[in-house]
Protein backbone atom coordinates (compact mmCIF):
# COMPACT_ATOMS: atom_id res chain seq x y z
CA MET A 1 -71.55 23.91 -8.85
CA ASN A 2 -71.42 26.50 -6.01
CA LYS A 3 -68.61 29.01 -5.59
CA LYS A 4 -67.26 27.37 -2.43
CA TYR A 5 -66.89 23.98 -4.14
CA SER A 6 -65.28 25.58 -7.18
CA PHE A 7 -62.82 27.40 -4.95
CA LEU A 8 -61.86 24.15 -3.21
CA LEU A 9 -61.27 22.43 -6.55
CA VAL A 10 -59.03 25.26 -7.73
CA LEU A 11 -57.17 25.24 -4.42
CA CYS A 12 -56.59 21.48 -4.56
CA PHE A 13 -55.35 21.74 -8.12
CA PHE A 14 -53.00 24.58 -7.18
CA LEU A 15 -51.57 22.69 -4.21
CA SER A 16 -51.10 19.57 -6.31
CA PHE A 17 -49.32 21.65 -8.93
CA LEU A 18 -47.01 23.11 -6.31
CA ALA A 19 -46.26 19.65 -4.93
CA CYS A 20 -45.39 18.37 -8.40
CA GLU A 21 -43.22 21.41 -9.09
CA LYS A 22 -41.38 20.91 -5.82
CA LYS A 23 -40.84 17.22 -6.56
CA GLU A 24 -39.57 17.89 -10.07
CA SER A 25 -37.29 20.69 -8.87
CA LEU A 26 -35.28 18.36 -6.65
CA PRO A 27 -31.86 17.76 -8.21
CA PRO A 28 -30.84 14.26 -9.29
CA LEU A 29 -29.18 12.09 -6.69
CA ARG A 30 -25.62 11.64 -7.96
CA VAL A 31 -24.29 8.28 -6.77
CA GLY A 32 -20.67 7.30 -7.26
CA MET A 33 -19.60 3.69 -7.71
CA ASP A 34 -16.86 1.70 -9.39
CA LEU A 35 -18.70 -0.43 -11.97
CA SER A 36 -16.11 -3.20 -11.99
CA PHE A 37 -17.21 -5.27 -9.00
CA PRO A 38 -19.94 -7.72 -10.08
CA PRO A 39 -22.53 -8.57 -8.98
CA PHE A 40 -22.63 -5.46 -6.80
CA GLU A 41 -21.46 -2.86 -9.31
CA MET A 42 -21.13 -3.71 -12.99
CA ILE A 43 -22.11 -2.88 -16.56
CA ASP A 44 -24.63 -5.14 -18.32
CA ALA A 45 -24.55 -6.44 -21.88
CA GLU A 46 -26.24 -3.26 -23.12
CA GLY A 47 -23.65 -1.03 -21.51
CA LYS A 48 -25.91 0.12 -18.67
CA PRO A 49 -25.09 0.16 -14.93
CA ASP A 50 -26.33 -2.96 -13.17
CA GLY A 51 -25.94 -4.83 -9.91
CA ILE A 52 -27.02 -4.73 -6.29
CA SER A 53 -25.63 -1.25 -5.66
CA VAL A 54 -27.33 0.15 -8.77
CA ARG A 55 -30.71 -1.24 -7.72
CA LEU A 56 -30.13 0.06 -4.20
CA ALA A 57 -29.30 3.54 -5.54
CA GLU A 58 -32.43 3.54 -7.68
CA SER A 59 -34.62 2.53 -4.73
CA LEU A 60 -33.04 5.17 -2.51
CA ALA A 61 -33.58 7.88 -5.13
CA SER A 62 -37.22 6.83 -5.49
CA TYR A 63 -37.64 7.02 -1.70
CA LEU A 64 -36.21 10.55 -1.76
CA HIS A 65 -38.44 11.50 -4.74
CA ARG A 66 -35.40 12.22 -6.88
CA SER A 67 -34.05 10.85 -10.12
CA VAL A 68 -30.67 9.11 -9.98
CA GLU A 69 -27.44 9.55 -11.89
CA ILE A 70 -24.83 6.79 -11.61
CA GLU A 71 -21.27 8.07 -11.88
CA ASN A 72 -18.71 5.39 -12.77
CA ILE A 73 -15.59 6.38 -10.80
CA PRO A 74 -12.45 4.33 -9.99
CA PHE A 75 -12.65 3.13 -6.40
CA VAL A 76 -9.70 5.23 -5.21
CA GLY A 77 -11.39 8.34 -6.60
CA LEU A 78 -14.73 7.92 -4.85
CA ILE A 79 -13.95 9.68 -1.56
CA PRO A 80 -12.27 12.66 -3.27
CA SER A 81 -15.27 12.94 -5.61
CA LEU A 82 -17.62 12.98 -2.62
CA GLN A 83 -15.55 15.58 -0.78
CA THR A 84 -15.45 17.89 -3.81
CA LYS A 85 -19.23 17.49 -4.30
CA LYS A 86 -18.99 15.84 -7.70
CA ILE A 87 -21.31 13.18 -6.24
CA ASP A 88 -23.80 13.10 -3.34
CA LEU A 89 -23.24 9.56 -2.09
CA ILE A 90 -20.97 6.56 -2.46
CA ILE A 91 -22.70 3.20 -2.93
CA SER A 92 -19.83 0.99 -4.03
CA SER A 93 -19.32 -1.90 -1.59
CA MET A 94 -17.24 0.45 0.56
CA THR A 95 -16.27 -0.81 4.00
CA ASP A 96 -16.90 1.46 6.95
CA THR A 97 -13.49 1.95 8.63
CA LEU A 98 -12.11 4.32 11.23
CA GLU A 99 -9.59 5.58 8.70
CA ARG A 100 -12.28 6.49 6.17
CA ARG A 101 -14.39 8.09 8.91
CA GLN A 102 -11.72 10.76 9.17
CA SER A 103 -12.80 11.96 5.72
CA ILE A 104 -16.47 10.99 5.30
CA ALA A 105 -19.48 9.74 7.25
CA PHE A 106 -21.23 6.41 6.77
CA SER A 107 -24.80 5.20 6.91
CA ASP A 108 -25.90 2.26 8.97
CA PRO A 109 -24.34 -0.95 7.55
CA TYR A 110 -26.24 -2.98 4.98
CA LEU A 111 -23.79 -5.81 4.20
CA THR A 112 -21.47 -7.95 6.31
CA LEU A 113 -18.60 -9.56 4.44
CA GLY A 114 -15.21 -11.12 5.18
CA LEU A 115 -11.80 -11.15 3.52
CA GLY A 116 -10.55 -14.35 1.90
CA ILE A 117 -7.47 -15.53 0.01
CA LEU A 118 -7.11 -16.84 -3.54
CA THR A 119 -3.98 -18.94 -4.06
CA HIS A 120 -2.50 -20.92 -6.93
CA GLN A 121 -2.39 -24.72 -6.88
CA PRO A 122 -0.23 -26.05 -5.32
CA SER A 123 0.35 -23.50 -2.57
CA SER A 124 2.09 -23.29 0.76
CA ILE A 125 -0.71 -21.03 2.05
CA HIS A 126 -3.41 -22.88 3.96
CA ASP A 127 -4.59 -20.18 6.39
CA ARG A 128 -3.67 -16.70 7.62
CA ASN A 129 -0.71 -18.06 9.60
CA ASP A 130 1.03 -18.96 6.34
CA LEU A 131 0.86 -15.45 4.88
CA ASP A 132 3.53 -13.53 6.76
CA HIS A 133 6.83 -14.94 5.48
CA PRO A 134 9.84 -13.24 3.84
CA GLY A 135 9.94 -13.51 0.05
CA MET A 136 6.19 -13.85 -0.35
CA LYS A 137 4.22 -11.61 -2.72
CA ILE A 138 0.61 -10.79 -1.85
CA ALA A 139 -1.74 -9.13 -4.33
CA VAL A 140 -4.45 -6.69 -3.25
CA ARG A 141 -6.76 -4.28 -5.02
CA GLN A 142 -5.76 -0.68 -4.52
CA GLY A 143 -7.81 1.29 -2.01
CA THR A 144 -9.75 -1.70 -0.66
CA ILE A 145 -10.05 -3.09 2.84
CA GLY A 146 -7.92 -6.00 1.61
CA GLU A 147 -5.01 -3.64 0.98
CA GLN A 148 -5.49 -1.99 4.37
CA TRP A 149 -5.53 -5.36 6.12
CA ALA A 150 -2.42 -6.62 4.30
CA ARG A 151 -0.37 -3.49 5.00
CA LYS A 152 -1.39 -3.53 8.65
CA HIS A 153 -0.92 -7.22 9.42
CA LEU A 154 1.75 -8.48 7.00
CA LYS A 155 5.26 -7.31 7.84
CA ASN A 156 7.40 -9.64 5.72
CA PRO A 157 5.76 -10.15 2.30
CA THR A 158 5.76 -7.66 -0.57
CA VAL A 159 2.24 -6.25 -0.90
CA MET A 160 1.42 -5.51 -4.55
CA ALA A 161 -1.58 -3.24 -5.23
CA PHE A 162 -3.48 -3.45 -8.53
CA ASP A 163 -6.10 -1.10 -9.98
CA GLN A 164 -8.35 -3.94 -11.15
CA GLU A 165 -9.24 -7.25 -9.56
CA ALA A 166 -8.74 -9.03 -12.90
CA SER A 167 -5.06 -8.01 -12.86
CA ALA A 168 -4.58 -9.44 -9.38
CA VAL A 169 -6.31 -12.70 -10.34
CA LEU A 170 -4.06 -13.01 -13.40
CA GLU A 171 -1.02 -12.68 -11.13
CA VAL A 172 -2.31 -15.66 -9.14
CA LEU A 173 -3.06 -17.70 -12.27
CA GLU A 174 0.42 -17.02 -13.64
CA ASN A 175 1.91 -17.92 -10.24
CA ARG A 176 3.62 -14.54 -9.95
CA VAL A 177 2.15 -13.88 -6.49
CA ASP A 178 1.49 -16.23 -3.61
CA GLY A 179 -2.04 -15.04 -2.93
CA PHE A 180 -4.70 -12.41 -3.53
CA ILE A 181 -6.59 -10.95 -0.56
CA TYR A 182 -10.10 -9.79 -1.42
CA ASP A 183 -13.70 -10.22 -0.29
CA VAL A 184 -14.83 -13.83 0.12
CA LEU A 185 -17.64 -13.57 -2.44
CA SER A 186 -15.23 -12.54 -5.17
CA ILE A 187 -12.61 -15.07 -4.08
CA TRP A 188 -15.21 -17.83 -4.35
CA LYS A 189 -16.27 -16.53 -7.80
CA PHE A 190 -12.66 -16.56 -9.05
CA TYR A 191 -12.18 -20.09 -7.75
CA GLN A 192 -15.36 -21.21 -9.51
CA ALA A 193 -13.93 -19.82 -12.76
CA HIS A 194 -10.55 -21.55 -12.27
CA PRO A 195 -11.13 -24.59 -10.02
CA GLU A 196 -8.14 -26.56 -11.33
CA GLN A 197 -5.64 -23.72 -10.97
CA THR A 198 -6.68 -22.01 -7.76
CA THR A 199 -7.70 -22.63 -4.16
CA ALA A 200 -10.16 -20.42 -2.28
CA LEU A 201 -9.49 -19.92 1.43
CA LEU A 202 -12.78 -18.56 2.71
CA THR A 203 -12.36 -18.53 6.48
CA PRO A 204 -12.48 -14.76 6.99
CA LEU A 205 -9.25 -12.96 7.80
CA GLU A 206 -11.50 -10.18 9.05
CA VAL A 207 -15.24 -9.47 8.97
CA SER A 208 -16.38 -5.95 8.19
CA SER A 209 -19.48 -3.95 7.31
CA THR A 210 -20.33 -2.17 4.09
CA ALA A 211 -22.22 1.13 4.20
CA ILE A 212 -23.16 4.17 2.12
CA GLY A 213 -20.62 7.01 2.12
CA ILE A 214 -21.92 10.51 2.88
CA ARG A 215 -20.27 13.89 3.38
CA LEU A 216 -19.62 14.72 7.03
CA GLU A 217 -21.78 17.83 6.90
CA ASP A 218 -24.79 16.18 5.20
CA ILE A 219 -26.46 15.19 8.47
CA LYS A 220 -30.04 15.38 7.15
CA LEU A 221 -29.21 13.22 4.12
CA ARG A 222 -27.57 10.66 6.38
CA GLU A 223 -30.73 10.47 8.49
CA GLU A 224 -32.84 10.03 5.35
CA VAL A 225 -30.54 7.29 4.06
CA ASN A 226 -30.72 5.41 7.37
CA CYS A 227 -34.52 5.65 7.37
CA PHE A 228 -34.55 4.27 3.84
CA LEU A 229 -32.23 1.36 4.70
CA LYS A 230 -34.39 0.39 7.68
CA ARG A 231 -37.57 0.50 5.60
CA PHE A 232 -35.95 -1.27 2.63
CA ARG A 233 -34.83 -4.12 4.89
CA GLU A 234 -38.23 -4.40 6.61
CA GLN A 235 -39.92 -4.63 3.21
CA GLY A 236 -37.63 -7.46 2.12
CA GLY A 237 -35.65 -5.39 -0.37
CA PHE A 238 -32.26 -6.81 0.56
CA GLU A 239 -33.60 -10.35 0.56
CA LYS A 240 -34.91 -9.85 -2.98
CA LEU A 241 -31.60 -8.40 -4.19
CA GLY A 242 -29.73 -11.31 -2.65
CA ASP A 243 -32.00 -13.81 -4.38
CA GLN A 244 -31.66 -11.96 -7.68
CA TYR A 245 -27.89 -11.51 -7.74
CA LEU A 246 -26.40 -13.83 -5.11
CA LYS A 247 -28.68 -16.85 -4.78
CA GLU A 248 -25.96 -19.46 -5.33
CA GLN A 249 -23.47 -17.64 -3.13
CA LYS A 250 -25.97 -17.23 -0.29
CA ALA A 251 -26.70 -20.94 -0.25
CA PHE A 252 -23.03 -21.93 -0.34
CA PHE A 253 -21.90 -19.53 2.38
CA ALA A 254 -24.82 -20.45 4.63
CA GLN A 255 -23.86 -24.12 4.23
CA GLN A 256 -20.25 -23.35 5.14
CA GLY A 257 -21.23 -21.18 8.09
CA ILE A 258 -19.26 -18.21 6.71
CA PRO A 259 -20.56 -14.75 7.74
CA PHE A 260 -22.30 -13.06 4.84
CA TYR A 261 -25.63 -11.32 4.79
CA LEU A 262 -27.40 -8.39 3.20
C-alpha cells in the first residue's frame, strides 16, 4: 500500500468521523402535541405516543438527522411552550389561523378538515342555521378552532368550553348541551360509538388547514419543514398514514363528498 493511498484512507475515515460527530451532536427535535386526539395524537396500549402526528414527527426528525422527543402538553399550552422554547415545533392537529399567526409561524398545510356538530337524539339542530338561538348551550373544546368559530359566529347561545373532548361528548350524551362543535372526523367517530343517542352533522361549518407550528424567528427550520412536507407527500407518506390510521374514515368521507385529505 503506497503512502498516497494510505493518506486518502485516513482522510476519508477522518471526514466520516467528523460527519458522524456532527450528526450525533445535533440536539433532539422537541415536538409538542396533546396526546388526547386519536388517531392523530394518542397514547397506545403500552403507554407510548402514537398516531399520525407522532409518525409525522418521527419522519421529520429522521429527515433532519435528529432524534425526536415527544412532549405531551395540553392543547392550550402548546403555543406558550413554543414561544418559551420548551419545544421546537407543534405537531398537534393545529389549525393555521390569522389569530395564531400573531404569535407563531406555520408550515405549509398538510391536512384539510372541516367542523361538524354532534347533537343528541332527538334534536332541533339540523344544520348551522339552527345553532344561533337564545337558551341554547353549545359545547366546544378549549383552545380549538371549534371554540373560535362558535364565539365568532354564535351570538345567542351559551358557549361552554371543556378541556377534554370526552367531557364535551358526555354533555351531549346526558343532554345537558344542544350540540358539540368539533372536527368532522371526531364527530363521526363519536357518532359511531353512540349511534342510537347522537346525530352527526358533517356538512362543514367551516373548512380549514392544519399545519406545523414554528417560532416566528426560526425561518431556516420552517424552510426545512416545508421541504420535508413536500418530499413526504411526493413519496406517498401521507397516503400511507391515512391508510394506516384513517382508512374507514377516508372511504366514508369520500363517499359523502365531504372535504378531508392528508
